[in-house]
């Protein structure tokens, strides 16, 4: 019989380290928290952009010129060239419009549900990571409004205070996709200058981090590993982001990974740290 071993309560007693005692999670509580979080996030996000009018639009346009200037300075301004190469392939553009407008949600929800059902301990950590990642994006939206490439094409004709010369096309309008920011209620309630950071990239990387370690087949690992790269292509060919926005998305994920262990302690299913010690018997 091995004598009891004293360890600090916390990670040693966490569900990640003790798969025989999986956390008890209630699906309805998780769904309610997720929905409530996204509603609050969307309401806050939409207050920092288009709804604020001309002053924010001008700032977002100036910031767009700065981003383009940085990319040109380092010789990596290719978004306009990439889109122009594929604009004549209408079916191809429509596919990426659908990819941009739907996969962002479908894949993320699938990963959350899959981890919840199969790997609840991992789900707790990844849930907290996603919450911090998404919430941190609000800081970027508020402090750095950024006009996406697709709006540069008609900014001069629509508002009169932007310089012409950009050849981007808003592909969500022409040839179209599942929805468009230019349509009625969507234009009124959405923050069209919430481009930095790119949550499409942030969520795609989150999906890869969450799924890759638990997948066993090479084919499924390959698919989830390439998902962020496909997302990067989609945000550029549809002119919804600059590639630098993707770096902002990576920073948001990094912050999420850093703060997730602490946040997990205060959410359902998490293990709270204690300064006291616990006794773990081994025999």
Protein backbone atom coordinates (compact mmCIF):
# COMPACT_ATOMS: atom_id res chain seq x y z
CA UNK A 1 0.00 0.00 0.00
CA UNK A 2 1.55 3.26 -1.08
CA UNK A 3 1.26 6.05 1.53
CA UNK A 4 -1.15 8.87 0.73
CA UNK A 5 0.39 11.56 -1.48
CA UNK A 6 -0.39 15.17 -0.70
CA UNK A 7 -0.95 17.37 -3.74
CA UNK A 8 -2.22 20.88 -4.18
CA UNK A 9 -5.90 20.98 -5.04
CA UNK A 10 -6.52 22.34 -8.50
CA UNK A 11 -5.04 20.97 -11.68
CA UNK A 12 -4.08 17.65 -10.08
CA UNK A 13 -7.71 17.11 -9.11
CA UNK A 14 -9.19 18.62 -12.27
CA UNK A 15 -11.38 16.65 -14.61
CA UNK A 16 -8.74 16.97 -17.34
CA UNK A 17 -6.41 14.90 -15.21
CA UNK A 18 -9.12 12.57 -13.96
CA UNK A 19 -11.14 11.26 -16.90
CA UNK A 20 -12.78 8.68 -14.66
CA UNK A 21 -14.72 11.53 -13.04
CA UNK A 22 -16.07 13.54 -16.00
CA UNK A 23 -17.76 16.85 -15.21
CA UNK A 24 -21.51 16.95 -14.99
CA UNK A 25 -22.88 19.43 -17.51
CA UNK A 26 -26.47 20.32 -18.34
CA UNK A 27 -27.08 20.87 -22.05
CA UNK A 28 -29.88 23.36 -21.50
CA UNK A 29 -27.71 25.48 -19.21
CA UNK A 30 -24.82 25.45 -21.69
CA UNK A 31 -27.14 26.38 -24.56
CA UNK A 32 -28.71 29.19 -22.55
CA UNK A 33 -25.34 30.61 -21.49
CA UNK A 34 -24.02 30.45 -25.06
CA UNK A 35 -27.07 32.14 -26.54
CA UNK A 36 -27.15 34.83 -23.84
CA UNK A 37 -23.44 35.51 -24.31
CA UNK A 38 -23.75 35.87 -28.07
CA UNK A 39 -26.78 38.16 -27.80
CA UNK A 40 -24.94 40.45 -25.37
CA UNK A 41 -21.77 40.32 -27.47
CA UNK A 42 -23.66 41.21 -30.66
CA UNK A 43 -25.50 44.08 -29.00
CA UNK A 44 -22.24 45.57 -27.70
CA UNK A 45 -20.36 45.00 -30.97
CA UNK A 46 -23.00 46.76 -33.01
CA UNK A 47 -22.75 49.90 -30.87
CA UNK A 48 -19.17 50.62 -31.87
CA UNK A 49 -19.41 50.90 -35.63
CA UNK A 50 -21.87 51.83 -38.32
CA UNK A 51 -24.48 53.08 -35.86
CA UNK A 52 -22.17 55.91 -34.73
CA UNK A 53 -22.27 57.60 -38.13
CA UNK A 54 -19.85 59.74 -40.12
CA UNK A 55 -17.08 60.18 -37.57
CA UNK A 56 -16.56 56.43 -37.10
CA UNK A 57 -16.83 55.84 -40.85
CA UNK A 58 -14.06 58.34 -41.50
CA UNK A 59 -11.89 56.75 -38.80
CA UNK A 60 -12.55 53.30 -40.25
CA UNK A 61 -11.59 54.53 -43.72
CA UNK A 62 -8.38 56.15 -42.49
CA UNK A 63 -7.51 52.98 -40.59
CA UNK A 64 -8.10 50.97 -43.78
CA UNK A 65 -5.64 53.18 -45.64
CA UNK A 66 -3.12 52.65 -42.82
CA UNK A 67 -3.54 48.86 -43.02
CA UNK A 68 -3.09 48.90 -46.78
CA UNK A 69 -0.05 51.15 -46.36
CA UNK A 70 1.53 48.71 -43.92
CA UNK A 71 0.90 45.76 -46.20
CA UNK A 72 2.34 47.63 -49.18
CA UNK A 73 5.38 48.66 -47.16
CA UNK A 74 6.25 45.04 -46.43
CA UNK A 75 5.32 43.89 -49.93
CA UNK A 76 2.33 41.78 -48.87
CA UNK A 77 -0.67 43.71 -50.14
CA UNK A 78 -2.33 41.05 -52.30
CA UNK A 79 -6.02 41.07 -51.28
CA UNK A 80 -7.13 43.09 -54.30
CA UNK A 81 -5.13 40.92 -56.70
CA UNK A 82 -6.51 37.71 -55.18
CA UNK A 83 -10.12 38.79 -55.56
CA UNK A 84 -9.65 40.04 -59.11
CA UNK A 85 -8.27 36.64 -60.17
CA UNK A 86 -11.55 34.88 -59.32
CA UNK A 87 -14.32 37.43 -59.92
CA UNK A 88 -15.21 35.96 -63.33
CA UNK A 89 -15.92 32.57 -61.73
CA UNK A 90 -19.36 33.41 -60.40
CA UNK A 91 -20.11 29.92 -59.07
CA UNK A 92 -16.75 29.94 -57.27
CA UNK A 93 -17.43 33.29 -55.63
CA UNK A 94 -20.93 32.25 -54.61
CA UNK A 95 -19.48 29.16 -52.93
CA UNK A 96 -17.06 31.27 -50.88
CA UNK A 97 -19.84 33.71 -50.01
CA UNK A 98 -21.79 30.77 -48.59
CA UNK A 99 -18.66 29.46 -46.87
CA UNK A 100 -18.02 32.87 -45.30
CA UNK A 101 -21.61 33.37 -44.22
CA UNK A 102 -22.38 29.91 -42.82
CA UNK A 103 -19.34 27.79 -41.97
CA UNK A 104 -18.28 30.35 -39.36
CA UNK A 105 -21.29 29.33 -37.28
CA UNK A 106 -21.93 25.75 -38.40
CA UNK A 107 -18.42 24.44 -37.78
CA UNK A 108 -18.05 26.27 -34.46
CA UNK A 109 -21.38 24.95 -33.19
CA UNK A 110 -20.49 21.43 -34.34
CA UNK A 111 -17.18 21.53 -32.46
CA UNK A 112 -18.89 22.78 -29.30
CA UNK A 113 -21.56 20.06 -29.44
CA UNK A 114 -19.04 17.33 -30.30
CA UNK A 115 -16.74 18.25 -27.43
CA UNK A 116 -19.70 18.58 -25.07
CA UNK A 117 -20.92 15.07 -25.89
CA UNK A 118 -17.61 13.24 -26.25
CA UNK A 119 -15.00 15.20 -24.30
CA UNK A 120 -16.74 17.24 -21.59
CA UNK A 121 -13.52 18.10 -19.74
CA UNK A 122 -11.99 19.50 -22.91
CA UNK A 123 -15.25 21.24 -23.69
CA UNK A 124 -15.03 23.22 -20.43
CA UNK A 125 -11.60 24.58 -21.32
CA UNK A 126 -12.45 25.30 -24.95
CA UNK A 127 -15.75 26.95 -23.97
CA UNK A 128 -13.86 29.39 -21.77
CA UNK A 129 -11.27 29.96 -24.49
CA UNK A 130 -14.00 30.82 -27.00
CA UNK A 131 -15.71 33.17 -24.54
CA UNK A 132 -12.53 35.16 -23.87
CA UNK A 133 -11.57 35.13 -27.56
CA UNK A 134 -14.94 36.51 -28.63
CA UNK A 135 -15.22 39.05 -25.82
CA UNK A 136 -11.70 40.36 -26.41
CA UNK A 137 -12.60 41.14 -30.02
CA UNK A 138 -14.91 43.86 -28.71
CA UNK A 139 -11.82 45.80 -27.63
CA UNK A 140 -10.53 45.81 -31.20
CA UNK A 141 -13.91 46.77 -32.64
CA UNK A 142 -14.25 49.67 -30.20
CA UNK A 143 -10.69 51.02 -30.37
CA UNK A 144 -9.92 50.37 -34.02
CA UNK A 145 -12.92 50.59 -36.37
CA UNK A 146 -11.79 49.30 -39.73
CA UNK A 147 -13.52 49.59 -43.09
CA UNK A 148 -13.31 46.20 -44.84
CA UNK A 149 -12.04 46.04 -48.43
CA UNK A 150 -15.53 45.41 -49.87
CA UNK A 151 -16.68 48.88 -48.74
CA UNK A 152 -13.74 50.71 -50.29
CA UNK A 153 -15.13 50.17 -53.78
CA UNK A 154 -18.22 52.34 -53.26
CA UNK A 155 -17.12 54.51 -50.36
CA UNK A 156 -16.35 57.51 -52.58
CA UNK A 157 -19.62 57.36 -54.50
CA UNK A 158 -21.76 56.60 -51.46
CA UNK A 159 -20.32 59.06 -48.95
CA UNK A 160 -18.18 61.46 -50.98
CA UNK A 161 -15.37 61.69 -48.44
CA UNK A 162 -13.31 58.70 -49.58
CA UNK A 163 -10.77 58.61 -52.37
CA UNK A 164 -11.62 56.39 -55.37
CA UNK A 165 -9.15 53.94 -56.81
CA UNK A 166 -9.89 50.60 -55.14
CA UNK A 167 -11.19 47.80 -57.33
CA UNK A 168 -12.78 45.59 -54.71
CA UNK A 169 -16.24 44.11 -55.25
CA UNK A 170 -18.72 43.44 -52.47
CA UNK A 171 -19.41 39.87 -53.54
CA UNK A 172 -22.16 39.49 -50.93
CA UNK A 173 -24.10 41.95 -53.09
CA UNK A 174 -22.91 40.80 -56.51
CA UNK A 175 -23.13 37.92 -57.29
CA UNK A 176 -24.63 37.44 -53.82
CA UNK A 177 -24.80 34.84 -51.09
CA UNK A 178 -26.89 33.80 -48.10
CA UNK A 179 -27.19 37.42 -46.93
CA UNK A 180 -25.78 40.90 -47.50
CA UNK A 181 -24.77 43.72 -45.18
CA UNK A 182 -26.42 46.11 -47.63
CA UNK A 183 -29.87 44.65 -47.09
CA UNK A 184 -32.36 46.59 -44.96
CA UNK A 185 -32.26 45.50 -41.30
CA UNK A 186 -28.81 43.91 -41.62
CA UNK A 187 -27.26 47.23 -42.68
CA UNK A 188 -29.04 49.06 -39.87
CA UNK A 189 -28.09 46.78 -36.98
CA UNK A 190 -24.71 45.36 -37.99
CA UNK A 191 -21.32 46.88 -37.30
CA UNK A 192 -19.77 46.91 -40.75
CA UNK A 193 -16.48 48.24 -39.41
CA UNK A 194 -15.83 45.31 -37.07
CA UNK A 195 -13.00 43.91 -39.19
CA UNK A 196 -10.13 43.97 -36.67
CA UNK A 197 -9.69 41.35 -35.34
CA UNK A 198 -11.17 38.76 -37.68
CA UNK A 199 -13.42 36.52 -35.62
CA UNK A 200 -13.77 34.24 -38.63
CA UNK A 201 -10.08 33.42 -38.28
CA UNK A 202 -10.21 33.36 -34.49
CA UNK A 203 -13.09 30.89 -34.42
CA UNK A 204 -11.55 28.75 -37.17
CA UNK A 205 -8.28 28.45 -35.24
CA UNK A 206 -10.28 27.71 -32.08
CA UNK A 207 -12.04 24.86 -33.91
CA UNK A 208 -8.70 23.40 -34.98
CA UNK A 209 -7.22 23.63 -31.48
CA UNK A 210 -10.33 22.07 -29.99
CA UNK A 211 -10.73 19.15 -32.39
CA UNK A 212 -7.31 18.21 -33.75
CA UNK A 213 -5.93 16.49 -30.60
CA UNK A 214 -9.01 14.28 -30.17
CA UNK A 215 -9.41 13.16 -33.79
CA UNK A 216 -7.88 9.81 -34.74
CA UNK A 217 -8.24 9.65 -38.51
CA UNK A 218 -5.66 11.39 -40.65
CA UNK A 219 -8.36 12.53 -43.05
CA UNK A 220 -10.39 14.33 -40.40
CA UNK A 221 -7.26 15.81 -38.87
CA UNK A 222 -6.28 17.11 -42.30
CA UNK A 223 -9.70 18.69 -42.82
CA UNK A 224 -9.75 20.50 -39.48
CA UNK A 225 -6.10 21.54 -39.87
CA UNK A 226 -6.80 23.18 -43.23
CA UNK A 227 -9.99 24.90 -42.05
CA UNK A 228 -8.23 28.12 -40.89
CA UNK A 229 -6.39 28.36 -44.23
CA UNK A 230 -9.66 27.98 -46.14
CA UNK A 231 -11.22 30.61 -43.90
CA UNK A 232 -8.33 32.98 -44.59
CA UNK A 233 -8.89 32.57 -48.32
CA UNK A 234 -12.64 33.13 -47.93
CA UNK A 235 -12.27 36.40 -46.02
CA UNK A 236 -9.92 37.76 -48.68
CA UNK A 237 -11.62 36.55 -51.87
CA UNK A 238 -14.94 37.97 -50.59
CA UNK A 239 -13.16 41.22 -49.59
CA UNK A 240 -14.42 41.09 -46.02
CA UNK A 241 -10.99 41.36 -44.39
CA UNK A 242 -7.33 42.18 -44.88
CA UNK A 243 -4.89 39.42 -44.01
CA UNK A 244 -3.60 41.52 -41.11
CA UNK A 245 -7.03 41.14 -39.52
CA UNK A 246 -6.19 37.46 -39.23
CA UNK A 247 -3.23 38.32 -37.01
CA UNK A 248 -5.64 40.14 -34.73
CA UNK A 249 -7.77 36.99 -34.65
CA UNK A 250 -4.75 34.92 -33.63
CA UNK A 251 -4.01 37.37 -30.83
CA UNK A 252 -7.57 37.00 -29.55
CA UNK A 253 -7.23 33.20 -29.50
CA UNK A 254 -3.91 33.45 -27.68
CA UNK A 255 -5.52 35.63 -25.02
CA UNK A 256 -8.37 33.14 -24.77
CA UNK A 257 -6.00 30.25 -24.21
CA UNK A 258 -4.13 32.25 -21.57
CA UNK A 259 -7.19 33.21 -19.53
CA UNK A 260 -9.35 30.12 -20.06
CA UNK A 261 -8.02 28.15 -17.05
CA UNK A 262 -8.95 30.97 -14.67
CA UNK A 263 -12.38 31.58 -16.23
CA UNK A 264 -13.20 27.86 -16.24
CA UNK A 265 -13.07 27.83 -12.44
CA UNK A 266 -16.11 30.10 -12.24
CA UNK A 267 -18.31 28.46 -14.88
CA UNK A 268 -20.43 25.31 -14.49
CA UNK A 269 -18.33 22.16 -14.50
CA UNK A 270 -15.09 23.94 -13.63
CA UNK A 271 -12.82 23.01 -10.74
CA UNK A 272 -12.06 25.87 -8.39
CA UNK A 273 -8.57 26.23 -7.04
CA UNK A 274 -8.03 26.18 -3.32
CA UNK A 275 -5.07 27.10 -1.19
CA UNK A 276 -5.75 24.06 0.90
CA UNK A 277 -4.39 20.64 0.00
CA UNK A 278 -6.15 17.43 -0.66
CA UNK A 279 -5.10 13.87 -0.09
CA UNK A 280 -4.96 11.48 -3.00
CA UNK A 281 -4.50 7.83 -2.21
CA UNK A 282 -2.64 5.56 -4.54
CA UNK A 283 -2.53 1.80 -4.10
